[in-house]
Amino acid sequence: MAMSTVTLTVHVDEIERLFREHNRALVAFLQCRLSSLSDAQEVAQEAYLRVLTMDNREEVGSLRSYLFKVAGNLAIDRLRKRKVRSDFAAAQPGDEAEGETTPVHHAIAVEQVAGLRNALRELPAKASQAFVMHVIEGRDFAVVAQTMNLSERMVRYHVANALAHCRAWMDEKEMP
């Protein structure tokens, strides 16, 4: 038990050093991608948390590179969520007074939702449930974990797999 405490302390020290030396560059990198300082700071915080709680630290050669890779992936996820929400908002009925929503936009949104449902049906039940609770309903990972009686790490795993599956499914449908 004492050995794991020493290992955790060393890992926390590494993360603190990483933060001191590279946080400004990481936030700037994310701000360029996300066009928002507050989003960049939130994504950076999530990236540090993921690096801090990761298993198999010894398998990662460069912690800095890994941090930037995790942060870049989180930024991509955030941009995709923004786009989905923006597309969904643009396709909502009742906005036609502005001339923004057309029957075509609505049909595309309905088709995308149906596609998402089909993709979710192909997933194991836990992955689908975790995805719906976190992404669709907007629940925090901790709340989903408690509701599903799983660890937060397992919920993140299920949501990540579901996201990857849904992206692949949608990409496949969009290809000519």
N, C-alpha and C. Protein backbone atom coordinates (compact mmCIF):
# COMPACT_ATOMS: atom_id res chain seq x y z
N MET A 1 0.83 -1.19 0.00
CA MET A 1 0.00 0.00 0.00
C MET A 1 0.87 1.25 0.00
N ALA A 2 1.96 1.24 0.76
CA ALA A 2 2.85 2.40 0.82
C ALA A 2 3.48 2.67 -0.53
N MET A 3 3.75 1.62 -1.29
CA MET A 3 4.35 1.79 -2.61
C MET A 3 3.39 2.54 -3.55
N SER A 4 2.11 2.21 -3.51
CA SER A 4 1.17 2.88 -4.39
C SER A 4 0.99 4.35 -3.99
N THR A 5 1.09 4.66 -2.71
CA THR A 5 1.01 6.05 -2.26
C THR A 5 2.21 6.83 -2.78
N VAL A 6 3.38 6.23 -2.74
CA VAL A 6 4.59 6.87 -3.27
C VAL A 6 4.45 7.08 -4.76
N THR A 7 3.94 6.07 -5.47
CA THR A 7 3.74 6.18 -6.91
C THR A 7 2.76 7.28 -7.23
N LEU A 8 1.64 7.35 -6.49
CA LEU A 8 0.65 8.39 -6.72
C LEU A 8 1.24 9.77 -6.47
N THR A 9 2.04 9.92 -5.41
CA THR A 9 2.67 11.19 -5.10
C THR A 9 3.60 11.62 -6.22
N VAL A 10 4.38 10.68 -6.75
CA VAL A 10 5.28 10.98 -7.87
C VAL A 10 4.47 11.41 -9.08
N HIS A 11 3.36 10.71 -9.35
CA HIS A 11 2.53 11.03 -10.50
C HIS A 11 1.91 12.42 -10.33
N VAL A 12 1.42 12.75 -9.14
CA VAL A 12 0.85 14.07 -8.89
C VAL A 12 1.92 15.14 -9.08
N ASP A 13 3.13 14.87 -8.61
CA ASP A 13 4.23 15.81 -8.80
C ASP A 13 4.51 16.03 -10.28
N GLU A 14 4.45 14.95 -11.06
CA GLU A 14 4.66 15.08 -12.51
C GLU A 14 3.59 15.96 -13.15
N ILE A 15 2.35 15.78 -12.74
CA ILE A 15 1.25 16.56 -13.28
C ILE A 15 1.39 18.03 -12.88
N GLU A 16 1.79 18.29 -11.64
CA GLU A 16 2.01 19.66 -11.20
C GLU A 16 3.11 20.33 -12.02
N ARG A 17 4.19 19.61 -12.26
CA ARG A 17 5.28 20.14 -13.08
C ARG A 17 4.80 20.40 -14.50
N LEU A 18 4.04 19.46 -15.04
CA LEU A 18 3.48 19.59 -16.38
C LEU A 18 2.60 20.85 -16.46
N PHE A 19 1.79 21.05 -15.44
CA PHE A 19 0.90 22.22 -15.39
C PHE A 19 1.72 23.51 -15.37
N ARG A 20 2.71 23.57 -14.48
CA ARG A 20 3.54 24.79 -14.37
C ARG A 20 4.26 25.10 -15.68
N GLU A 21 4.79 24.09 -16.32
CA GLU A 21 5.63 24.30 -17.50
C GLU A 21 4.85 24.45 -18.80
N HIS A 22 3.67 23.86 -18.90
CA HIS A 22 3.01 23.79 -20.20
C HIS A 22 1.56 24.26 -20.24
N ASN A 23 1.01 24.69 -19.11
CA ASN A 23 -0.41 25.06 -19.11
C ASN A 23 -0.71 26.23 -20.04
N ARG A 24 0.14 27.24 -20.01
CA ARG A 24 -0.09 28.41 -20.87
C ARG A 24 -0.11 27.99 -22.34
N ALA A 25 0.83 27.14 -22.74
CA ALA A 25 0.88 26.68 -24.13
C ALA A 25 -0.33 25.80 -24.46
N LEU A 26 -0.74 24.96 -23.51
CA LEU A 26 -1.88 24.08 -23.73
C LEU A 26 -3.16 24.89 -23.91
N VAL A 27 -3.38 25.87 -23.06
CA VAL A 27 -4.59 26.70 -23.16
C VAL A 27 -4.57 27.49 -24.48
N ALA A 28 -3.42 28.02 -24.86
CA ALA A 28 -3.32 28.75 -26.14
C ALA A 28 -3.63 27.83 -27.32
N PHE A 29 -3.08 26.61 -27.28
CA PHE A 29 -3.34 25.60 -28.31
C PHE A 29 -4.84 25.33 -28.42
N LEU A 30 -5.49 25.15 -27.28
CA LEU A 30 -6.92 24.85 -27.26
C LEU A 30 -7.76 26.06 -27.65
N GLN A 31 -7.32 27.25 -27.25
CA GLN A 31 -8.06 28.46 -27.58
C GLN A 31 -8.08 28.68 -29.10
N CYS A 32 -6.98 28.36 -29.76
CA CYS A 32 -6.94 28.47 -31.22
C CYS A 32 -7.94 27.51 -31.86
N ARG A 33 -8.07 26.33 -31.31
CA ARG A 33 -8.99 25.34 -31.86
C ARG A 33 -10.44 25.64 -31.54
N LEU A 34 -10.69 26.13 -30.32
CA LEU A 34 -12.06 26.28 -29.84
C LEU A 34 -12.60 27.71 -29.97
N SER A 35 -11.72 28.67 -30.22
CA SER A 35 -12.10 30.08 -30.32
C SER A 35 -12.81 30.59 -29.07
N SER A 36 -12.42 30.05 -27.93
CA SER A 36 -13.02 30.48 -26.66
C SER A 36 -12.05 30.18 -25.53
N LEU A 37 -11.70 31.22 -24.78
CA LEU A 37 -10.79 31.03 -23.66
C LEU A 37 -11.42 30.15 -22.59
N SER A 38 -12.68 30.39 -22.27
CA SER A 38 -13.32 29.60 -21.20
C SER A 38 -13.43 28.12 -21.60
N ASP A 39 -13.78 27.85 -22.87
CA ASP A 39 -13.82 26.45 -23.33
C ASP A 39 -12.42 25.84 -23.29
N ALA A 40 -11.42 26.61 -23.69
CA ALA A 40 -10.04 26.11 -23.67
C ALA A 40 -9.61 25.75 -22.25
N GLN A 41 -9.96 26.60 -21.29
CA GLN A 41 -9.59 26.33 -19.90
C GLN A 41 -10.32 25.10 -19.37
N GLU A 42 -11.60 24.94 -19.72
CA GLU A 42 -12.35 23.77 -19.27
C GLU A 42 -11.78 22.48 -19.86
N VAL A 43 -11.47 22.51 -21.15
CA VAL A 43 -10.92 21.32 -21.80
C VAL A 43 -9.54 21.00 -21.24
N ALA A 44 -8.74 22.00 -20.98
CA ALA A 44 -7.42 21.77 -20.38
C ALA A 44 -7.57 21.11 -19.01
N GLN A 45 -8.50 21.61 -18.21
CA GLN A 45 -8.74 21.02 -16.90
C GLN A 45 -9.15 19.55 -17.01
N GLU A 46 -10.03 19.26 -17.95
CA GLU A 46 -10.46 17.87 -18.17
C GLU A 46 -9.28 17.00 -18.62
N ALA A 47 -8.42 17.56 -19.46
CA ALA A 47 -7.25 16.80 -19.94
C ALA A 47 -6.31 16.47 -18.78
N TYR A 48 -6.05 17.45 -17.91
CA TYR A 48 -5.20 17.19 -16.74
C TYR A 48 -5.82 16.12 -15.85
N LEU A 49 -7.12 16.19 -15.67
CA LEU A 49 -7.80 15.20 -14.85
C LEU A 49 -7.66 13.80 -15.44
N ARG A 50 -7.81 13.71 -16.74
CA ARG A 50 -7.67 12.40 -17.38
C ARG A 50 -6.25 11.86 -17.26
N VAL A 51 -5.28 12.73 -17.41
CA VAL A 51 -3.88 12.30 -17.27
C VAL A 51 -3.61 11.89 -15.82
N LEU A 52 -4.14 12.64 -14.89
CA LEU A 52 -3.93 12.35 -13.47
C LEU A 52 -4.54 11.00 -13.09
N THR A 53 -5.69 10.66 -13.64
CA THR A 53 -6.40 9.44 -13.26
C THR A 53 -6.13 8.27 -14.19
N MET A 54 -5.20 8.43 -15.12
CA MET A 54 -4.95 7.35 -16.08
C MET A 54 -4.26 6.16 -15.43
N ASP A 55 -4.55 5.00 -15.98
CA ASP A 55 -3.86 3.78 -15.58
C ASP A 55 -2.62 3.61 -16.47
N ASN A 56 -1.73 2.78 -16.06
CA ASN A 56 -0.56 2.42 -16.88
C ASN A 56 0.27 3.63 -17.28
N ARG A 57 0.55 4.51 -16.35
CA ARG A 57 1.37 5.70 -16.59
C ARG A 57 2.72 5.32 -17.21
N GLU A 58 3.25 4.19 -16.77
CA GLU A 58 4.58 3.79 -17.24
C GLU A 58 4.61 3.47 -18.74
N GLU A 59 3.45 3.26 -19.35
CA GLU A 59 3.40 2.95 -20.78
C GLU A 59 3.48 4.20 -21.66
N VAL A 60 3.35 5.38 -21.05
CA VAL A 60 3.37 6.63 -21.81
C VAL A 60 4.79 7.18 -21.80
N GLY A 61 5.35 7.35 -22.99
CA GLY A 61 6.72 7.85 -23.10
C GLY A 61 6.84 9.31 -22.71
N SER A 62 6.03 10.16 -23.30
CA SER A 62 6.07 11.59 -23.04
C SER A 62 4.72 12.03 -22.48
N LEU A 63 4.71 12.41 -21.23
CA LEU A 63 3.48 12.85 -20.59
C LEU A 63 2.96 14.13 -21.24
N ARG A 64 3.87 15.02 -21.65
CA ARG A 64 3.46 16.27 -22.32
C ARG A 64 2.75 15.96 -23.63
N SER A 65 3.32 15.09 -24.43
CA SER A 65 2.69 14.73 -25.71
C SER A 65 1.33 14.09 -25.48
N TYR A 66 1.27 13.22 -24.49
CA TYR A 66 0.02 12.55 -24.17
C TYR A 66 -1.04 13.57 -23.73
N LEU A 67 -0.64 14.53 -22.91
CA LEU A 67 -1.56 15.58 -22.44
C LEU A 67 -2.12 16.36 -23.63
N PHE A 68 -1.25 16.77 -24.55
CA PHE A 68 -1.71 17.54 -25.70
C PHE A 68 -2.60 16.69 -26.61
N LYS A 69 -2.30 15.41 -26.73
CA LYS A 69 -3.14 14.52 -27.54
C LYS A 69 -4.53 14.38 -26.92
N VAL A 70 -4.58 14.15 -25.61
CA VAL A 70 -5.86 14.04 -24.90
C VAL A 70 -6.63 15.35 -25.05
N ALA A 71 -5.97 16.47 -24.84
CA ALA A 71 -6.63 17.78 -24.94
C ALA A 71 -7.15 18.02 -26.36
N GLY A 72 -6.36 17.67 -27.35
CA GLY A 72 -6.79 17.83 -28.74
C GLY A 72 -8.03 17.00 -29.04
N ASN A 73 -8.05 15.76 -28.54
CA ASN A 73 -9.22 14.91 -28.74
C ASN A 73 -10.44 15.46 -28.04
N LEU A 74 -10.26 15.97 -26.83
CA LEU A 74 -11.37 16.57 -26.10
C LEU A 74 -11.89 17.82 -26.82
N ALA A 75 -11.00 18.58 -27.42
CA ALA A 75 -11.41 19.77 -28.18
C ALA A 75 -12.24 19.36 -29.39
N ILE A 76 -11.81 18.32 -30.07
CA ILE A 76 -12.57 17.82 -31.22
C ILE A 76 -13.96 17.38 -30.79
N ASP A 77 -14.03 16.66 -29.68
CA ASP A 77 -15.34 16.23 -29.15
C ASP A 77 -16.22 17.44 -28.85
N ARG A 78 -15.64 18.48 -28.25
CA ARG A 78 -16.42 19.67 -27.91
C ARG A 78 -16.91 20.37 -29.17
N LEU A 79 -16.07 20.46 -30.19
CA LEU A 79 -16.48 21.08 -31.45
C LEU A 79 -17.60 20.29 -32.11
N ARG A 80 -17.51 18.97 -32.05
CA ARG A 80 -18.57 18.14 -32.62
C ARG A 80 -19.89 18.33 -31.88
N LYS A 81 -19.81 18.41 -30.55
CA LYS A 81 -21.03 18.65 -29.76
C LYS A 81 -21.64 20.00 -30.14
N ARG A 82 -20.78 21.01 -30.28
CA ARG A 82 -21.26 22.34 -30.69
C ARG A 82 -21.99 22.26 -32.02
N LYS A 83 -21.39 21.55 -32.96
CA LYS A 83 -21.98 21.45 -34.30
C LYS A 83 -23.31 20.71 -34.25
N VAL A 84 -23.37 19.62 -33.51
CA VAL A 84 -24.62 18.88 -33.40
C VAL A 84 -25.70 19.76 -32.78
N ARG A 85 -25.36 20.46 -31.71
CA ARG A 85 -26.34 21.33 -31.06
C ARG A 85 -26.77 22.46 -31.99
N SER A 86 -25.81 23.02 -32.71
CA SER A 86 -26.11 24.10 -33.64
C SER A 86 -27.01 23.60 -34.77
N ASP A 87 -26.67 22.45 -35.33
CA ASP A 87 -27.48 21.86 -36.40
C ASP A 87 -28.88 21.53 -35.90
N PHE A 88 -28.94 20.99 -34.69
CA PHE A 88 -30.24 20.63 -34.12
C PHE A 88 -31.07 21.89 -33.88
N ALA A 89 -30.45 22.93 -33.34
CA ALA A 89 -31.17 24.17 -33.09
C ALA A 89 -31.66 24.79 -34.39
N ALA A 90 -30.85 24.70 -35.44
CA ALA A 90 -31.24 25.26 -36.73
C ALA A 90 -32.38 24.47 -37.36
N ALA A 91 -32.52 23.21 -36.98
CA ALA A 91 -33.53 22.36 -37.60
C ALA A 91 -34.82 22.28 -36.78
N GLN A 92 -34.91 23.05 -35.71
CA GLN A 92 -36.11 23.01 -34.87
C GLN A 92 -37.28 23.68 -35.58
N PRO A 93 -38.45 23.02 -35.57
CA PRO A 93 -39.63 23.65 -36.15
C PRO A 93 -40.03 24.87 -35.34
N GLY A 94 -40.65 25.81 -35.99
CA GLY A 94 -41.08 27.01 -35.29
C GLY A 94 -40.15 28.19 -35.51
N ASP A 95 -38.99 27.94 -36.08
CA ASP A 95 -38.04 29.01 -36.38
C ASP A 95 -38.23 29.55 -37.79
N GLU A 96 -39.28 29.10 -38.46
CA GLU A 96 -39.44 29.43 -39.86
C GLU A 96 -39.74 30.90 -40.09
N ALA A 97 -40.15 31.61 -39.05
CA ALA A 97 -40.43 33.04 -39.20
C ALA A 97 -39.18 33.79 -39.65
N GLU A 98 -38.04 33.32 -39.22
CA GLU A 98 -36.78 33.94 -39.62
C GLU A 98 -36.32 33.45 -40.99
N GLY A 99 -36.96 32.42 -41.51
CA GLY A 99 -36.57 31.88 -42.80
C GLY A 99 -35.36 30.97 -42.72
N GLU A 100 -34.93 30.61 -41.50
CA GLU A 100 -33.73 29.80 -41.34
C GLU A 100 -34.01 28.31 -41.50
N THR A 101 -35.15 27.85 -41.01
CA THR A 101 -35.46 26.43 -41.04
C THR A 101 -36.37 26.13 -42.21
N THR A 102 -35.98 25.13 -42.93
CA THR A 102 -36.79 24.70 -44.06
C THR A 102 -37.19 23.25 -43.83
N PRO A 103 -38.14 22.77 -44.58
CA PRO A 103 -38.49 21.35 -44.47
C PRO A 103 -37.29 20.44 -44.73
N VAL A 104 -36.38 20.88 -45.56
CA VAL A 104 -35.19 20.08 -45.84
C VAL A 104 -34.32 19.97 -44.59
N HIS A 105 -34.11 21.10 -43.88
CA HIS A 105 -33.33 21.07 -42.64
C HIS A 105 -33.98 20.14 -41.63
N HIS A 106 -35.28 20.24 -41.52
CA HIS A 106 -36.00 19.40 -40.56
C HIS A 106 -35.85 17.93 -40.94
N ALA A 107 -35.98 17.62 -42.22
CA ALA A 107 -35.85 16.23 -42.67
C ALA A 107 -34.45 15.69 -42.40
N ILE A 108 -33.45 16.52 -42.60
CA ILE A 108 -32.06 16.10 -42.32
C ILE A 108 -31.89 15.81 -40.84
N ALA A 109 -32.42 16.69 -39.99
CA ALA A 109 -32.31 16.49 -38.55
C ALA A 109 -33.02 15.22 -38.12
N VAL A 110 -34.20 14.98 -38.65
CA VAL A 110 -34.96 13.76 -38.31
C VAL A 110 -34.18 12.53 -38.76
N GLU A 111 -33.59 12.60 -39.94
CA GLU A 111 -32.79 11.48 -40.45
C GLU A 111 -31.56 11.23 -39.58
N GLN A 112 -30.92 12.30 -39.12
CA GLN A 112 -29.75 12.16 -38.27
C GLN A 112 -30.12 11.53 -36.92
N VAL A 113 -31.23 11.94 -36.36
CA VAL A 113 -31.67 11.38 -35.08
C VAL A 113 -32.00 9.89 -35.26
N ALA A 114 -32.67 9.56 -36.36
CA ALA A 114 -32.98 8.15 -36.62
C ALA A 114 -31.70 7.35 -36.80
N GLY A 115 -30.72 7.93 -37.48
CA GLY A 115 -29.43 7.25 -37.65
C GLY A 115 -28.74 7.04 -36.33
N LEU A 116 -28.79 8.05 -35.48
CA LEU A 116 -28.18 7.94 -34.16
C LEU A 116 -28.86 6.82 -33.36
N ARG A 117 -30.17 6.76 -33.43
CA ARG A 117 -30.88 5.69 -32.73
C ARG A 117 -30.47 4.31 -33.25
N ASN A 118 -30.34 4.19 -34.56
CA ASN A 118 -29.90 2.91 -35.13
C ASN A 118 -28.50 2.54 -34.67
N ALA A 119 -27.62 3.52 -34.66
CA ALA A 119 -26.24 3.25 -34.21
C ALA A 119 -26.24 2.84 -32.74
N LEU A 120 -27.06 3.49 -31.92
CA LEU A 120 -27.11 3.15 -30.49
C LEU A 120 -27.68 1.75 -30.27
N ARG A 121 -28.59 1.33 -31.12
CA ARG A 121 -29.15 -0.02 -30.98
C ARG A 121 -28.10 -1.10 -31.21
N GLU A 122 -27.07 -0.79 -31.99
CA GLU A 122 -26.02 -1.76 -32.28
C GLU A 122 -25.05 -1.92 -31.11
N LEU A 123 -25.10 -1.02 -30.16
CA LEU A 123 -24.16 -1.03 -29.03
C LEU A 123 -24.66 -1.92 -27.90
N PRO A 124 -23.74 -2.36 -27.04
CA PRO A 124 -24.17 -3.03 -25.80
C PRO A 124 -25.03 -2.06 -24.98
N ALA A 125 -25.94 -2.60 -24.20
CA ALA A 125 -26.91 -1.79 -23.45
C ALA A 125 -26.24 -0.75 -22.55
N LYS A 126 -25.17 -1.13 -21.86
CA LYS A 126 -24.53 -0.19 -20.93
C LYS A 126 -23.91 0.99 -21.69
N ALA A 127 -23.29 0.71 -22.83
CA ALA A 127 -22.67 1.78 -23.62
C ALA A 127 -23.75 2.74 -24.13
N SER A 128 -24.82 2.19 -24.62
CA SER A 128 -25.92 3.01 -25.12
C SER A 128 -26.53 3.85 -24.00
N GLN A 129 -26.78 3.23 -22.87
CA GLN A 129 -27.39 3.94 -21.74
C GLN A 129 -26.47 5.06 -21.24
N ALA A 130 -25.18 4.78 -21.11
CA ALA A 130 -24.23 5.79 -20.65
C ALA A 130 -24.17 6.96 -21.63
N PHE A 131 -24.16 6.66 -22.91
CA PHE A 131 -24.14 7.70 -23.95
C PHE A 131 -25.37 8.59 -23.85
N VAL A 132 -26.53 7.98 -23.78
CA VAL A 132 -27.78 8.75 -23.72
C VAL A 132 -27.81 9.63 -22.47
N MET A 133 -27.45 9.06 -21.33
CA MET A 133 -27.50 9.82 -20.08
C MET A 133 -26.51 10.99 -20.09
N HIS A 134 -25.30 10.76 -20.62
CA HIS A 134 -24.28 11.82 -20.59
C HIS A 134 -24.45 12.81 -21.75
N VAL A 135 -24.50 12.31 -22.96
CA VAL A 135 -24.47 13.19 -24.13
C VAL A 135 -25.85 13.79 -24.42
N ILE A 136 -26.87 12.98 -24.42
CA ILE A 136 -28.20 13.46 -24.78
C ILE A 136 -28.86 14.20 -23.61
N GLU A 137 -28.85 13.57 -22.44
CA GLU A 137 -29.51 14.18 -21.28
C GLU A 137 -28.62 15.19 -20.56
N GLY A 138 -27.31 15.18 -20.85
CA GLY A 138 -26.40 16.16 -20.27
C GLY A 138 -26.01 15.90 -18.83
N ARG A 139 -26.14 14.67 -18.38
CA ARG A 139 -25.79 14.36 -16.98
C ARG A 139 -24.27 14.25 -16.84
N ASP A 140 -23.78 14.61 -15.68
CA ASP A 140 -22.36 14.54 -15.36
C ASP A 140 -21.93 13.07 -15.25
N PHE A 141 -20.66 12.79 -15.54
CA PHE A 141 -20.16 11.42 -15.47
C PHE A 141 -20.40 10.79 -14.09
N ALA A 142 -20.22 11.58 -13.04
CA ALA A 142 -20.41 11.05 -11.68
C ALA A 142 -21.85 10.63 -11.45
N VAL A 143 -22.80 11.40 -11.95
CA VAL A 143 -24.22 11.07 -11.79
C VAL A 143 -24.56 9.81 -12.58
N VAL A 144 -24.03 9.72 -13.79
CA VAL A 144 -24.28 8.53 -14.62
C VAL A 144 -23.68 7.30 -13.94
N ALA A 145 -22.48 7.45 -13.42
CA ALA A 145 -21.82 6.33 -12.74
C ALA A 145 -22.64 5.85 -11.55
N GLN A 146 -23.13 6.79 -10.77
CA GLN A 146 -23.92 6.42 -9.60
C GLN A 146 -25.23 5.76 -10.03
N THR A 147 -25.89 6.30 -11.02
CA THR A 147 -27.16 5.75 -11.51
C THR A 147 -26.98 4.35 -12.06
N MET A 148 -25.90 4.14 -12.80
CA MET A 148 -25.67 2.84 -13.44
C MET A 148 -24.90 1.88 -12.54
N ASN A 149 -24.50 2.35 -11.36
CA ASN A 149 -23.72 1.53 -10.44
C ASN A 149 -22.41 1.06 -11.08
N LEU A 150 -21.72 2.01 -11.73
CA LEU A 150 -20.43 1.76 -12.36
C LEU A 150 -19.43 2.79 -11.86
N SER A 151 -18.17 2.56 -12.15
CA SER A 151 -17.17 3.58 -11.83
C SER A 151 -17.24 4.67 -12.90
N GLU A 152 -16.77 5.86 -12.55
CA GLU A 152 -16.73 6.95 -13.52
C GLU A 152 -15.87 6.57 -14.72
N ARG A 153 -14.77 5.89 -14.44
CA ARG A 153 -13.87 5.46 -15.50
C ARG A 153 -14.59 4.56 -16.49
N MET A 154 -15.43 3.66 -15.98
CA MET A 154 -16.18 2.74 -16.84
C MET A 154 -17.22 3.51 -17.66
N VAL A 155 -17.85 4.50 -17.04
CA VAL A 155 -18.83 5.32 -17.76
C VAL A 155 -18.12 6.06 -18.90
N ARG A 156 -16.97 6.66 -18.60
CA ARG A 156 -16.20 7.36 -19.64
C ARG A 156 -15.84 6.40 -20.78
N TYR A 157 -15.46 5.18 -20.42
CA TYR A 157 -15.12 4.17 -21.41
C TYR A 157 -16.33 3.88 -22.31
N HIS A 158 -17.49 3.65 -21.69
CA HIS A 158 -18.70 3.35 -22.47
C HIS A 158 -19.09 4.53 -23.36
N VAL A 159 -19.02 5.75 -22.83
CA VAL A 159 -19.39 6.93 -23.62
C VAL A 159 -18.41 7.11 -24.78
N ALA A 160 -17.13 6.94 -24.53
CA ALA A 160 -16.13 7.08 -25.60
C ALA A 160 -16.36 6.05 -26.70
N ASN A 161 -16.64 4.81 -26.31
CA ASN A 161 -16.90 3.78 -27.31
C ASN A 161 -18.17 4.08 -28.09
N ALA A 162 -19.19 4.55 -27.41
CA ALA A 162 -20.44 4.88 -28.09
C ALA A 162 -20.24 6.05 -29.06
N LEU A 163 -19.48 7.06 -28.63
CA LEU A 163 -19.20 8.19 -29.51
C LEU A 163 -18.45 7.74 -30.76
N ALA A 164 -17.44 6.92 -30.56
CA ALA A 164 -16.66 6.43 -31.71
C ALA A 164 -17.55 5.62 -32.65
N HIS A 165 -18.40 4.78 -32.09
CA HIS A 165 -19.29 3.96 -32.91
C HIS A 165 -20.27 4.84 -33.69
N CYS A 166 -20.87 5.82 -33.00
CA CYS A 166 -21.84 6.71 -33.66
C CYS A 166 -21.18 7.54 -34.76
N ARG A 167 -19.96 8.04 -34.47
CA ARG A 167 -19.23 8.80 -35.49
C ARG A 167 -18.96 7.94 -36.71
N ALA A 168 -18.48 6.72 -36.48
CA ALA A 168 -18.18 5.81 -37.59
C ALA A 168 -19.46 5.49 -38.37
N TRP A 169 -20.54 5.27 -37.66
CA TRP A 169 -21.81 4.95 -38.29
C TRP A 169 -22.29 6.11 -39.16
N MET A 170 -22.22 7.33 -38.61
CA MET A 170 -22.66 8.51 -39.37
C MET A 170 -21.73 8.78 -40.55
N ASP A 171 -20.42 8.63 -40.34
CA ASP A 171 -19.47 8.84 -41.44
C ASP A 171 -19.72 7.86 -42.57
N GLU A 172 -20.02 6.64 -42.22
CA GLU A 172 -20.30 5.60 -43.21
C GLU A 172 -21.53 5.96 -44.03
N LYS A 173 -22.54 6.51 -43.39
CA LYS A 173 -23.77 6.88 -44.08
C LYS A 173 -23.60 8.11 -44.96
N GLU A 174 -22.65 8.99 -44.60
CA GLU A 174 -22.43 10.21 -45.37
C GLU A 174 -21.57 10.00 -46.60
N MET A 175 -20.83 8.89 -46.63
CA MET A 175 -19.95 8.63 -47.78
C MET A 175 -20.79 8.27 -48.99
N PRO A 176 -20.40 8.78 -50.17
CA PRO A 176 -21.16 8.48 -51.40
C PRO A 176 -21.03 7.06 -51.84
